Protein backbone atom coordinates (compact mmCIF):
# COMPACT_ATOMS: atom_id res chain seq x y z
CA MET A 1 26.69 -28.84 -6.82
CA ARG A 2 25.51 -25.36 -6.70
CA THR A 3 24.60 -25.77 -2.64
CA THR A 4 27.28 -27.06 -1.77
CA VAL A 5 29.13 -24.48 -3.35
CA LEU A 6 27.70 -21.79 -1.35
CA THR A 7 27.87 -24.17 1.28
CA ILE A 8 31.39 -23.43 1.33
CA ALA A 9 31.89 -19.83 0.38
CA LEU A 10 29.57 -18.74 3.60
CA PHE A 11 31.85 -20.98 5.76
CA LEU A 12 34.49 -18.95 4.26
CA GLY A 13 33.47 -16.38 4.35
CA ALA A 14 32.30 -16.17 8.50
CA CYS A 15 35.53 -17.94 9.38
CA SER A 16 38.11 -15.58 7.58
CA GLY A 17 39.88 -13.24 9.95
CA GLU A 18 37.32 -10.19 10.55
CA SER A 19 34.13 -12.90 10.71
CA GLY A 20 30.82 -12.04 11.24
CA SER A 21 29.00 -11.94 14.61
CA PRO A 22 26.06 -14.33 14.82
CA ASP A 23 23.67 -11.81 14.67
CA SER A 24 24.24 -11.98 10.57
CA GLY A 25 21.95 -15.35 10.34
CA ILE A 26 25.46 -17.30 9.34
CA ILE A 27 26.14 -19.42 12.17
CA PRO A 28 29.45 -21.99 10.80
CA THR A 29 28.90 -25.49 13.06
CA GLN A 30 32.15 -26.12 12.13
CA CYS A 31 33.79 -22.69 14.75
CA ALA A 32 34.58 -24.51 18.12
CA PRO A 33 34.03 -22.64 20.57
CA GLY A 34 37.18 -21.24 22.34
CA ASP A 35 38.76 -18.32 24.70
CA CYS A 36 39.20 -15.33 22.54
CA SER A 37 40.25 -13.00 24.82
CA ALA A 38 43.89 -13.46 23.99
CA PHE A 39 42.51 -12.02 20.38
CA ASN A 40 41.03 -9.51 22.59
CA ARG A 41 37.67 -11.07 21.31
CA GLU A 42 34.55 -11.84 23.05
CA CYS A 43 31.94 -12.65 20.98
CA GLY A 44 31.48 -13.34 17.50
CA TYR A 45 33.44 -15.51 15.05
CA TYR A 46 37.00 -15.51 14.96
CA THR A 47 39.84 -17.78 12.78
CA PRO A 48 43.85 -16.80 14.44
CA THR A 49 46.27 -17.17 11.41
CA GLY A 50 46.84 -20.03 10.81
CA GLY A 51 44.58 -21.69 13.13
CA THR A 52 40.84 -23.07 13.31
CA CYS A 53 37.99 -20.92 13.14
CA LEU A 54 36.71 -20.17 17.15
CA ASP A 55 33.05 -19.25 18.41
CA CYS A 56 33.82 -16.66 20.73
CA GLY A 57 30.19 -17.08 22.25
CA ASP A 58 27.40 -14.07 22.17
CA CYS A 59 26.58 -11.05 24.01
CA ALA A 60 23.87 -10.44 26.54
CA ALA A 61 20.99 -8.82 25.30
CA PRO A 62 20.95 -5.72 25.38
CA LEU A 63 24.27 -6.02 24.30
CA THR A 64 25.22 -6.55 20.82
CA CYS A 65 28.86 -7.69 19.28
CA GLY A 66 30.21 -5.12 17.60
CA GLY A 67 27.23 -2.80 18.21
CA SER A 68 29.50 -0.08 19.87
CA GLY A 69 31.87 -0.13 16.88
CA MET A 70 34.62 -2.81 17.37
CA ALA A 71 34.56 -5.92 16.13
CA GLY A 72 34.46 -9.00 18.26
CA ARG A 73 33.22 -6.70 21.39
CA CYS A 74 30.23 -6.60 23.21
CA GLY A 75 28.80 -2.89 23.10
CA CYS A 76 25.37 -0.81 22.70
CA ARG A 77 24.30 0.07 19.18
CA PRO A 78 22.94 3.80 19.69
CA PRO A 79 19.66 3.83 17.77
CA THR A 80 19.55 5.45 14.02
CA CYS A 81 17.02 6.63 11.62
CA GLU A 82 16.72 4.96 8.00
CA GLU A 83 15.12 7.33 6.04
CA GLY A 84 11.72 6.30 4.80
CA VAL A 85 12.08 3.15 6.78
CA SER A 86 11.81 4.30 10.55
CA CYS A 87 9.37 5.24 12.38
CA GLY A 88 8.12 7.09 15.53
CA THR A 89 9.86 7.09 18.97
CA VAL A 90 13.10 4.74 18.85
CA VAL A 91 14.23 3.56 22.47
CA ASP A 92 17.97 3.16 23.15
CA PRO A 93 17.90 -0.14 24.39
CA CYS A 94 21.26 0.39 26.59
CA GLY A 95 19.49 3.68 28.28
CA GLY A 96 20.20 6.35 26.73
CA ALA A 97 18.56 8.90 24.78
CA SER A 98 15.73 8.09 22.42
CA ILE A 99 15.24 9.25 19.13
CA GLU A 100 12.37 10.67 16.96
CA CYS A 101 12.31 9.30 13.40
CA GLY A 102 8.86 10.58 11.83
CA ALA A 103 6.11 9.76 10.72
CA CYS A 104 5.13 7.47 7.61
CA THR A 105 3.43 7.99 4.48
CA GLY A 106 0.48 6.79 3.39
CA PRO A 107 -0.71 4.05 2.90
CA GLU A 108 2.26 2.37 5.03
CA THR A 109 1.82 3.10 8.87
CA CYS A 110 4.53 2.43 11.87
CA GLY A 111 4.80 -0.53 12.92
CA GLY A 112 1.68 -2.02 10.34
CA ALA A 113 3.42 -4.33 9.03
CA GLY A 114 4.16 -5.54 12.54
CA THR A 115 7.67 -4.82 13.51
CA PRO A 116 8.21 -1.61 15.62
CA ASN A 117 9.08 1.25 14.01
CA VAL A 118 9.46 0.27 10.56
CA CYS A 119 6.95 1.69 8.44
CA GLY A 120 4.82 -1.26 6.86
CA ALA A 121 1.32 -1.49 5.34
CA SER A 122 -1.56 -4.41 5.95
CA VAL A 123 -3.17 -5.46 2.84
CA GLY A 124 -5.93 -8.27 2.49
CA LEU A 125 -6.19 -10.75 0.05
CA GLY A 126 -5.06 -9.33 -3.86
CA GLY A 127 -2.52 -6.98 -2.25
CA ARG A 128 1.09 -7.09 -2.71
CA CYS A 129 3.12 -8.25 0.47
CA GLY A 130 6.92 -8.56 1.68
CA ALA A 131 8.58 -6.86 3.87
CA ARG A 132 7.04 -4.36 4.79
CA SER A 133 3.11 -5.63 3.86
CA ARG A 134 1.76 -7.82 5.91
CA CYS A 135 -1.29 -10.09 4.85
CA THR A 136 -4.34 -9.47 7.29
CA SER A 137 -6.02 -12.99 6.04
CA GLY A 138 -4.45 -15.83 3.33
CA GLU A 139 -0.61 -16.20 3.08
CA CYS A 140 2.20 -13.93 1.26
CA CYS A 141 3.05 -16.52 -1.93
CA ALA A 142 4.92 -16.00 -5.06
CA ARG A 143 2.08 -15.50 -7.66
CA GLY A 144 5.21 -15.89 -11.05
CA ASN A 145 7.30 -12.61 -9.70
CA THR A 146 4.86 -11.25 -7.37
CA MET A 147 4.36 -11.13 -3.79
CA VAL A 148 0.43 -11.69 -3.07
CA CYS A 149 -1.93 -12.77 -0.13
CA ALA A 150 -3.79 -15.32 -1.67
CA THR A 151 -4.81 -18.15 0.00
CA LEU A 152 -3.45 -20.97 -0.72
CA ASP A 153 -4.71 -24.02 -2.62
CA ALA A 154 -4.91 -27.96 -0.65
CA MET A 155 -1.41 -28.54 -2.20
CA GLY A 156 0.05 -25.37 -0.70
CA ASN A 157 0.97 -23.51 -3.40
CA CYS A 158 -0.09 -20.04 -4.02
CA PRO A 159 -3.63 -20.08 -6.76
CA LEU A 160 -4.35 -18.58 -10.18
CA ALA A 161 -5.61 -14.77 -9.83
CA THR A 162 -9.46 -14.84 -9.93
CA GLY A 163 -11.93 -12.07 -9.26
CA PRO A 164 -12.83 -8.83 -10.35
CA ASP A 165 -9.82 -5.82 -11.22
CA LEU A 166 -10.80 -2.98 -10.74
CA LEU A 167 -8.59 -0.09 -12.23
CA VAL A 168 -9.10 3.61 -13.03
CA ASP A 169 -9.11 4.54 -16.51
CA ARG A 170 -5.53 7.43 -16.84
CA PRO A 171 -6.90 8.91 -20.59
CA THR A 172 -10.33 9.12 -19.28
CA ALA A 173 -9.70 11.90 -16.60
CA GLU A 174 -6.90 13.69 -18.39
CA ALA A 175 -9.03 14.10 -21.12
CA SER A 176 -11.72 15.49 -19.53
CA ILE A 177 -9.73 18.02 -17.34
CA THR A 178 -11.87 21.77 -16.64
CA PHE A 179 -12.17 24.57 -14.15
CA GLU A 180 -14.62 25.66 -13.43
CA ASP A 181 -15.99 28.56 -10.84
CA LEU A 182 -19.09 27.42 -9.08
CA THR A 183 -21.63 29.19 -7.07
CA VAL A 184 -23.76 27.09 -4.42
CA PRO A 185 -27.10 28.08 -2.22
CA ALA A 186 -26.96 26.54 1.02
CA ASP A 187 -29.42 23.61 1.07
CA TYR A 188 -27.02 22.36 -2.32
CA CYS A 189 -26.14 18.71 -2.70
CA ALA A 190 -22.58 18.69 -2.78
CA ILE A 191 -22.95 19.61 0.39
CA ASP A 192 -24.97 17.47 2.56
CA ASP A 193 -22.52 15.25 0.75
CA GLY A 194 -19.64 16.25 2.18
CA CYS A 195 -18.27 17.76 -1.27
CA LEU A 196 -18.26 21.17 -0.56
CA PRO A 197 -17.73 22.54 3.18
CA GLY A 198 -21.05 25.05 3.19
CA PRO A 199 -22.24 28.16 0.36
CA GLY A 200 -20.30 29.99 -1.47
CA THR A 201 -17.76 30.29 -4.53
CA TYR A 202 -15.80 27.57 -5.30
CA ARG A 203 -12.66 27.23 -7.47
CA LEU A 204 -13.25 23.76 -8.71
CA LEU A 205 -11.04 21.27 -10.90
CA ARG A 206 -13.25 18.86 -12.51
CA PHE A 207 -12.79 15.02 -14.03
CA SER A 208 -14.29 12.17 -15.32
CA THR A 209 -14.14 9.15 -14.02
CA LEU A 210 -14.17 5.80 -16.00
CA ILE A 211 -13.47 2.53 -13.87
CA GLY A 212 -12.81 -0.65 -15.17
CA ASN A 213 -12.60 -3.98 -14.29
CA ALA A 214 -10.13 -5.43 -15.76
CA GLY A 215 -10.62 -9.06 -13.85
CA THR A 216 -11.89 -12.63 -14.78
CA GLU A 217 -14.87 -12.41 -12.88
CA ASP A 218 -17.53 -9.70 -11.87
CA LEU A 219 -17.76 -6.95 -9.21
CA VAL A 220 -21.35 -7.87 -7.85
CA ILE A 221 -22.08 -5.56 -5.24
CA GLY A 222 -25.57 -6.09 -5.12
CA ASP A 223 -28.99 -4.40 -4.12
CA PRO A 224 -28.85 -1.08 -1.89
CA ASP A 225 -31.43 -2.28 0.21
CA SER A 226 -30.15 -5.32 1.44
CA THR A 227 -25.98 -4.31 0.92
CA PRO A 228 -24.03 -3.48 3.51
CA GLY A 229 -21.92 -0.30 2.01
CA PHE A 230 -24.55 1.55 0.88
CA ALA A 231 -25.79 4.35 2.66
CA PHE A 232 -29.11 6.09 1.59
CA ALA A 233 -28.60 10.37 1.16
CA GLN A 234 -31.59 12.06 1.87
CA CYS A 235 -30.85 15.15 -0.68
CA HIS A 236 -30.41 13.23 -3.41
CA ALA A 237 -33.10 10.03 -2.30
CA HIS A 238 -31.23 7.65 -3.18
CA TYR A 239 -28.46 5.59 -2.08
CA HIS A 240 -24.40 6.35 -2.34
CA TYR A 241 -22.24 3.24 -1.98
CA ASP A 242 -19.39 4.77 0.56
CA ASP A 243 -15.35 3.88 0.02
CA TYR A 244 -15.94 3.84 -4.11
CA VAL A 245 -13.16 6.26 -5.44
CA GLU A 246 -10.49 8.95 -3.70
CA TYR A 247 -9.14 11.72 -5.48
CA ARG A 248 -5.96 13.29 -4.14
CA LEU A 249 -4.32 16.85 -5.29
CA LYS A 250 -0.12 16.21 -4.83
CA ASP A 251 2.06 18.92 -5.10
CA SER A 252 5.61 18.96 -6.56
CA ASN A 253 7.16 16.98 -3.18
CA GLY A 254 4.58 14.68 -3.44
CA GLN A 255 2.24 16.17 -0.51
CA VAL A 256 -1.51 16.07 -0.39
CA VAL A 257 -2.88 19.91 -0.72
CA ARG A 258 -6.69 18.64 -1.37
CA SER A 259 -8.77 15.75 -1.25
CA GLY A 260 -11.79 14.97 -2.86
CA PHE A 261 -14.43 11.83 -3.58
CA LYS A 262 -16.86 10.07 -5.30
CA ALA A 263 -19.94 8.00 -3.52
CA GLY A 264 -20.81 5.97 -6.50
CA PHE A 265 -24.50 6.60 -6.01
CA CYS A 266 -25.12 3.93 -9.47
CA VAL A 267 -22.62 1.07 -9.88
CA GLU A 268 -23.28 -0.47 -13.11
CA ASP A 269 -22.39 -1.79 -16.68
CA THR A 270 -21.57 1.90 -18.60
CA LEU A 271 -19.14 0.84 -21.11
CA ARG A 272 -17.52 -2.32 -23.05
CA LEU A 273 -14.00 -2.34 -22.58
CA ASP A 274 -12.81 -5.82 -24.04
CA THR A 275 -14.58 -6.94 -27.33
CA ASN A 276 -14.77 -10.11 -26.13
CA ALA A 277 -16.78 -9.66 -23.13
CA ASP A 278 -20.34 -10.07 -23.29
CA PRO A 279 -22.22 -7.56 -25.49
CA ASP A 280 -24.63 -6.81 -22.99
CA PRO A 281 -25.05 -5.28 -19.75
CA ILE A 282 -25.69 -6.94 -16.66
CA TYR A 283 -25.70 -5.07 -14.06
CA PHE A 284 -27.85 -1.66 -13.40
CA CYS A 285 -29.36 0.50 -11.03
CA ASP A 286 -32.97 0.74 -11.75
CA GLN A 287 -34.50 -0.90 -8.00
CA ALA A 288 -37.68 -0.80 -9.37
CA LEU A 289 -36.77 -3.56 -12.59
CA GLY A 290 -35.09 -5.18 -9.71
CA GLY A 291 -31.89 -3.92 -10.48
CA VAL A 292 -28.15 -5.10 -8.70
CA GLN A 293 -25.21 -2.92 -8.93
CA GLY A 294 -21.71 -3.98 -10.12
CA ILE A 295 -19.57 -4.01 -13.44
CA GLN A 296 -18.34 -6.89 -14.89
CA LYS A 297 -15.40 -8.53 -16.06
CA GLY A 298 -14.58 -6.30 -19.40
CA TRP A 299 -16.81 -3.45 -18.36
CA GLY A 300 -16.40 -0.05 -17.20
CA ASP A 301 -18.82 2.35 -14.51
CA LEU A 302 -18.44 5.99 -16.87
CA TYR A 303 -19.19 9.39 -14.71
CA LEU A 304 -18.62 12.34 -16.28
CA ALA A 305 -16.77 15.47 -15.68
CA ASN A 306 -20.01 16.74 -15.15
CA LEU A 307 -21.50 15.59 -11.97
CA ASP A 308 -21.36 16.40 -8.58
CA CYS A 309 -18.54 15.65 -6.67
CA GLN A 310 -16.63 15.52 -9.43
CA TRP A 311 -13.93 17.54 -8.40
CA VAL A 312 -11.12 18.59 -5.99
CA ASP A 313 -11.74 22.15 -4.78
CA ILE A 314 -8.92 23.84 -5.23
CA THR A 315 -9.84 26.93 -4.00
CA GLY A 316 -7.22 28.57 -2.72
CA VAL A 317 -4.36 26.73 -4.61
CA VAL A 318 -1.27 28.26 -5.45
CA PRO A 319 -0.56 27.84 -9.10
CA GLY A 320 1.90 25.70 -10.25
CA ASN A 321 2.88 21.94 -10.74
CA TYR A 322 0.39 18.87 -9.09
CA VAL A 323 -0.25 15.77 -10.26
CA LEU A 324 -4.18 14.58 -9.41
CA GLU A 325 -4.47 11.18 -8.18
CA VAL A 326 -7.64 8.86 -9.11
CA GLU A 327 -8.30 5.93 -6.76
CA VAL A 328 -10.93 3.69 -6.96
CA ASN A 329 -11.17 1.08 -3.88
CA PRO A 330 -9.34 3.16 -1.35
CA ALA A 331 -10.43 1.21 1.48
CA LYS A 332 -10.17 -2.22 -0.05
CA LYS A 333 -13.19 -3.46 1.24
CA THR A 334 -13.67 -5.07 -1.86
CA PRO A 335 -11.28 -8.46 -2.77
CA GLU A 336 -9.52 -8.02 -5.81
CA VAL A 337 -6.70 -9.78 -7.99
CA ASP A 338 -4.31 -6.94 -7.87
CA PHE A 339 -4.69 -3.38 -5.58
CA ASP A 340 -1.49 -2.07 -7.28
CA ASN A 341 -2.67 -0.99 -10.56
CA ASN A 342 -6.06 1.08 -8.61
CA VAL A 343 -4.06 4.96 -8.76
CA ALA A 344 -4.29 6.20 -11.97
CA ALA A 345 -2.40 9.49 -12.23
CA VAL A 346 -2.57 12.68 -14.00
CA PRO A 347 -0.28 15.80 -14.31
CA VAL A 348 -2.71 19.26 -13.92
CA ILE A 349 -1.15 22.59 -13.94
CA ILE A 350 -2.99 25.58 -12.17
CA ARG A 351 -2.63 29.15 -13.06
């Protein structure tokens, strides 16, 4: 009954007086092809008073029905920019002047979801998908009330969420914020790591970072000697795990004014966060003892504020209100249940 009522409603709406064009997606099959010139119409659908619904025809590309602003007439629709959606150079298909719609804000890129001149993003397994986010692998399917990228099961259904799920503990970052003036020599390892540009005195915003695994499975990174993603740091004489955590300081307009990163040189079970988790740590970094890096489910990996690169360089930043964003797995190279909980935002006042 509900489907029948909806069909009738669509038909009546499409065939009443000022009806929609074929571009609207509503094609009432009950409308008969006919000559609409007596009604000053050449396209779309129209129902004369007391008559039957007429299909007035289509427009030849690049013209669209009503494109010039006149219902039932073929014309050119001038390009427009929709704020926060449109991007890049939008060409007028009818030969008029092109317009510039600007750039997208990260992580979206222009055409990133496959639609030209529309901001969008490509997301991996576990990421949220939709009109402006395209799955790089798997299918976009409904998991409860959320659309996610997942590999469908044998029945074509969206599977339940399984896997690691990394998140940043916001209270840990917020409670540990301190400011420091640090003078470093030319051989300081943080320079070699890329956390500072060179020797000198810097004003640093320091904070601790706690990465938890709230998923159903362990995050297994592996042995640095045989696992991709690790790079040997000569200054520290140990391996760094790339693209682990990224820091961004944003102003009141949401613009990034400074950034930083943490090479996760030792990703291990530091704190048990879930009382139901295994009480003993599994992942540790001592290779001489056969250590394998990772975070088991229900545990966390803690980096204290006094460690190198646990900072954002705020030298010369204007005093004011800012937001510190801490994001784990920013490059999404590690599959997760959910990428949308990977960022913690903390208010910061710089004086």
